[in-house]
Amino acid sequence: SAIPQKPDMTLEEKMAESATACIVRFEEELADGIEAPPELEALKDARDNHGDDPKIVARRIYELMIERGTRYDEGPEDGKLRPTEFDIPSNLDVPEVKEEFLYLYNYGMMLIS
């Protein structure tokens, strides 16, 4: 083919790209006037200052995923993230809560394996 192949990315480059995508997506999804969680800044710091350690970057992505899944709800009218008013500890038997925790658990297990 006449199109040159894209060079293979290193693990560090892949993690930096994933971190950037996660940051951009979270910032776009956050509703106007809602303060970003400290985990977002921690991910930016990990990408910018610890990019040579993919484990740190992966951990910060995971922490932001947990924060998003447990502390924010998507607005039904605009899909934007706002702090949840849902009482998770009192609703651990709700299928949607179980599904979210199972997803986060499985993702975390994938990270450490």
Foldseek 3Di string as FASTA:
>chain_A
DPDDDDDDDDLLRVLLVVLVVLLVVLVVQADPPADDDVLSVQLVCCSVPVSVDSLSNLVSSLVSLVCQLPQWDQDPVHGHTDGDPDDCVVPVVPPVNVVSVVVSVVSVVVSVD
